[in-house]
């Protein structure tokens, strides 16, 4: 399994617009081949949004990045993001 985490620090006043777009994108992405999980989480203290994504492989994740919905999402959220940090992991255990 291939795990992707993305932490977004949002520009003030963009939370509602960002979350609306993120939910729409996640709802479409969950039907992409290889996407097994796509969670959106919020940390109110740090004003950050966190994505947890699980794919069958790195190749399937990279294919998802090239889909129309992903490209449009990235374009639309650009002005809403103060900082974006991504990390990837290989899953070694699932309970």
C-alpha atoms as a PDB file:
ATOM      1  CA  UNK A   1       0.000   0.000   0.000  1.00  0.00           C
ATOM      2  CA  UNK A   2       1.067   3.559  -0.728  1.00  0.00           C
ATOM      3  CA  UNK A   3       0.130   6.303   1.739  1.00  0.00           C
ATOM      4  CA  UNK A   4       0.104  10.012   0.933  1.00  0.00           C
ATOM      5  CA  UNK A   5      -0.329  12.734   3.541  1.00  0.00           C
ATOM      6  CA  UNK A   6      -0.754  16.373   2.645  1.00  0.00           C
ATOM      7  CA  UNK A   7      -0.919  19.223   5.150  1.00  0.00           C
ATOM      8  CA  UNK A   8      -2.330  22.539   3.972  1.00  0.00           C
ATOM      9  CA  UNK A   9      -2.001  25.784   5.894  1.00  0.00           C
ATOM     10  CA  UNK A  10      -4.764  27.972   4.546  1.00  0.00           C
ATOM     11  CA  UNK A  11      -4.871  31.647   3.724  1.00  0.00           C
ATOM     12  CA  UNK A  12      -7.201  33.345   6.242  1.00  0.00           C
ATOM     13  CA  UNK A  13     -10.853  33.410   5.174  1.00  0.00           C
ATOM     14  CA  UNK A  14     -10.438  30.554   2.665  1.00  0.00           C
ATOM     15  CA  UNK A  15     -11.490  27.630   4.883  1.00  0.00           C
ATOM     16  CA  UNK A  16     -15.075  27.234   3.677  1.00  0.00           C
ATOM     17  CA  UNK A  17     -14.199  27.535  -0.006  1.00  0.00           C
ATOM     18  CA  UNK A  18     -11.254  25.171   0.359  1.00  0.00           C
ATOM     19  CA  UNK A  19     -13.253  22.520   2.236  1.00  0.00           C
ATOM     20  CA  UNK A  20     -16.046  22.631  -0.339  1.00  0.00           C
ATOM     21  CA  UNK A  21     -13.552  21.998  -3.156  1.00  0.00           C
ATOM     22  CA  UNK A  22     -11.663  19.371  -1.127  1.00  0.00           C
ATOM     23  CA  UNK A  23     -14.843  17.394  -0.409  1.00  0.00           C
ATOM     24  CA  UNK A  24     -15.874  17.501  -4.063  1.00  0.00           C
ATOM     25  CA  UNK A  25     -12.425  16.326  -5.144  1.00  0.00           C
ATOM     26  CA  UNK A  26     -12.244  13.554  -2.519  1.00  0.00           C
ATOM     27  CA  UNK A  27     -15.712  12.274  -3.473  1.00  0.00           C
ATOM     28  CA  UNK A  28     -14.576  11.912  -7.089  1.00  0.00           C
ATOM     29  CA  UNK A  29     -11.085  10.597  -6.217  1.00  0.00           C
ATOM     30  CA  UNK A  30     -12.475   7.736  -4.120  1.00  0.00           C
ATOM     31  CA  UNK A  31     -13.749   6.242  -7.384  1.00  0.00           C
ATOM     32  CA  UNK A  32     -10.371   6.494  -9.139  1.00  0.00           C
ATOM     33  CA  UNK A  33      -8.716   3.129  -9.784  1.00  0.00           C
ATOM     34  CA  UNK A  34      -6.374   2.350  -6.914  1.00  0.00           C
ATOM     35  CA  UNK A  35      -7.759   4.910  -4.449  1.00  0.00           C
ATOM     36  CA  UNK A  36      -8.692   2.962  -1.332  1.00  0.00           C
ATOM     37  CA  UNK A  37      -9.203   5.827   1.123  1.00  0.00           C
ATOM     38  CA  UNK A  38      -9.299   9.619   1.045  1.00  0.00           C
ATOM     39  CA  UNK A  39      -9.826  11.362   4.387  1.00  0.00           C
ATOM     40  CA  UNK A  40      -9.983  15.105   5.056  1.00  0.00           C
ATOM     41  CA  UNK A  41      -9.165  16.266   8.593  1.00  0.00           C
ATOM     42  CA  UNK A  42      -9.024  19.697  10.273  1.00  0.00           C
ATOM     43  CA  UNK A  43      -6.793  21.028  13.060  1.00  0.00           C
ATOM     44  CA  UNK A  44      -8.516  24.131  14.421  1.00  0.00           C
ATOM     45  CA  UNK A  45      -5.608  25.213  16.646  1.00  0.00           C
ATOM     46  CA  UNK A  46      -3.129  25.320  13.770  1.00  0.00           C
ATOM     47  CA  UNK A  47      -5.690  26.199  11.082  1.00  0.00           C
ATOM     48  CA  UNK A  48      -4.514  23.304   8.936  1.00  0.00           C
ATOM     49  CA  UNK A  49      -6.255  20.767   6.737  1.00  0.00           C
ATOM     50  CA  UNK A  50      -4.768  17.281   6.515  1.00  0.00           C
ATOM     51  CA  UNK A  51      -5.392  14.738   3.749  1.00  0.00           C
ATOM     52  CA  UNK A  52      -4.777  11.028   4.348  1.00  0.00           C
ATOM     53  CA  UNK A  53      -4.856   9.067   1.111  1.00  0.00           C
ATOM     54  CA  UNK A  54      -4.326   5.334   0.610  1.00  0.00           C
ATOM     55  CA  UNK A  55      -3.572   3.796  -2.795  1.00  0.00           C
ATOM     56  CA  UNK A  56      -2.707   0.317  -4.004  1.00  0.00           C
ATOM     57  CA  UNK A  57       0.579   1.572  -5.442  1.00  0.00           C
ATOM     58  CA  UNK A  58       2.628   4.680  -6.169  1.00  0.00           C
ATOM     59  CA  UNK A  59       1.755   4.305  -9.848  1.00  0.00           C
ATOM     60  CA  UNK A  60      -1.975   4.434  -9.069  1.00  0.00           C
ATOM     61  CA  UNK A  61      -1.461   7.586  -7.006  1.00  0.00           C
ATOM     62  CA  UNK A  62       0.502   9.211  -9.836  1.00  0.00           C
ATOM     63  CA  UNK A  63      -2.306   8.339 -12.263  1.00  0.00           C
ATOM     64  CA  UNK A  64      -4.803  10.005  -9.916  1.00  0.00           C
ATOM     65  CA  UNK A  65      -2.705  13.185  -9.953  1.00  0.00           C
ATOM     66  CA  UNK A  66      -3.170  13.393 -13.727  1.00  0.00           C
ATOM     67  CA  UNK A  67      -6.957  13.093 -13.689  1.00  0.00           C
ATOM     68  CA  UNK A  68      -9.043  16.068 -14.741  1.00  0.00           C
ATOM     69  CA  UNK A  69     -10.568  16.485 -11.276  1.00  0.00           C
ATOM     70  CA  UNK A  70      -7.138  16.554  -9.574  1.00  0.00           C
ATOM     71  CA  UNK A  71      -5.694  19.073 -12.021  1.00  0.00           C
ATOM     72  CA  UNK A  72      -8.729  21.365 -11.665  1.00  0.00           C
ATOM     73  CA  UNK A  73      -8.630  21.045  -7.854  1.00  0.00           C
ATOM     74  CA  UNK A  74      -4.952  22.052  -7.705  1.00  0.00           C
ATOM     75  CA  UNK A  75      -5.593  25.028  -9.965  1.00  0.00           C
ATOM     76  CA  UNK A  76      -8.561  26.281  -7.944  1.00  0.00           C
ATOM     77  CA  UNK A  77      -6.966  25.939  -4.498  1.00  0.00           C
ATOM     78  CA  UNK A  78      -3.679  27.646  -5.401  1.00  0.00           C
ATOM     79  CA  UNK A  79      -4.661  31.094  -4.089  1.00  0.00           C
ATOM     80  CA  UNK A  80      -6.105  29.550  -0.898  1.00  0.00           C
ATOM     81  CA  UNK A  81      -2.880  27.903   0.247  1.00  0.00           C
ATOM     82  CA  UNK A  82      -0.258  29.595   2.412  1.00  0.00           C
ATOM     83  CA  UNK A  83       1.778  26.385   2.712  1.00  0.00           C
ATOM     84  CA  UNK A  84       1.520  22.797   1.463  1.00  0.00           C
ATOM     85  CA  UNK A  85       3.593  19.843   2.688  1.00  0.00           C
ATOM     86  CA  UNK A  86       3.329  16.345   1.246  1.00  0.00           C
ATOM     87  CA  UNK A  87       4.821  13.102   2.513  1.00  0.00           C
ATOM     88  CA  UNK A  88       4.580   9.534   1.269  1.00  0.00           C
ATOM     89  CA  UNK A  89       4.844   6.269   3.146  1.00  0.00           C
ATOM     90  CA  UNK A  90       4.749   2.541   2.470  1.00  0.00           C
ATOM     91  CA  UNK A  91       2.209   0.865   4.702  1.00  0.00           C
ATOM     92  CA  UNK A  92       3.623  -2.040   6.708  1.00  0.00           C
ATOM     93  CA  UNK A  93       0.635  -2.951   8.891  1.00  0.00           C
ATOM     94  CA  UNK A  94      -3.107  -2.383   8.891  1.00  0.00           C
ATOM     95  CA  UNK A  95      -5.178  -3.258  11.958  1.00  0.00           C
END
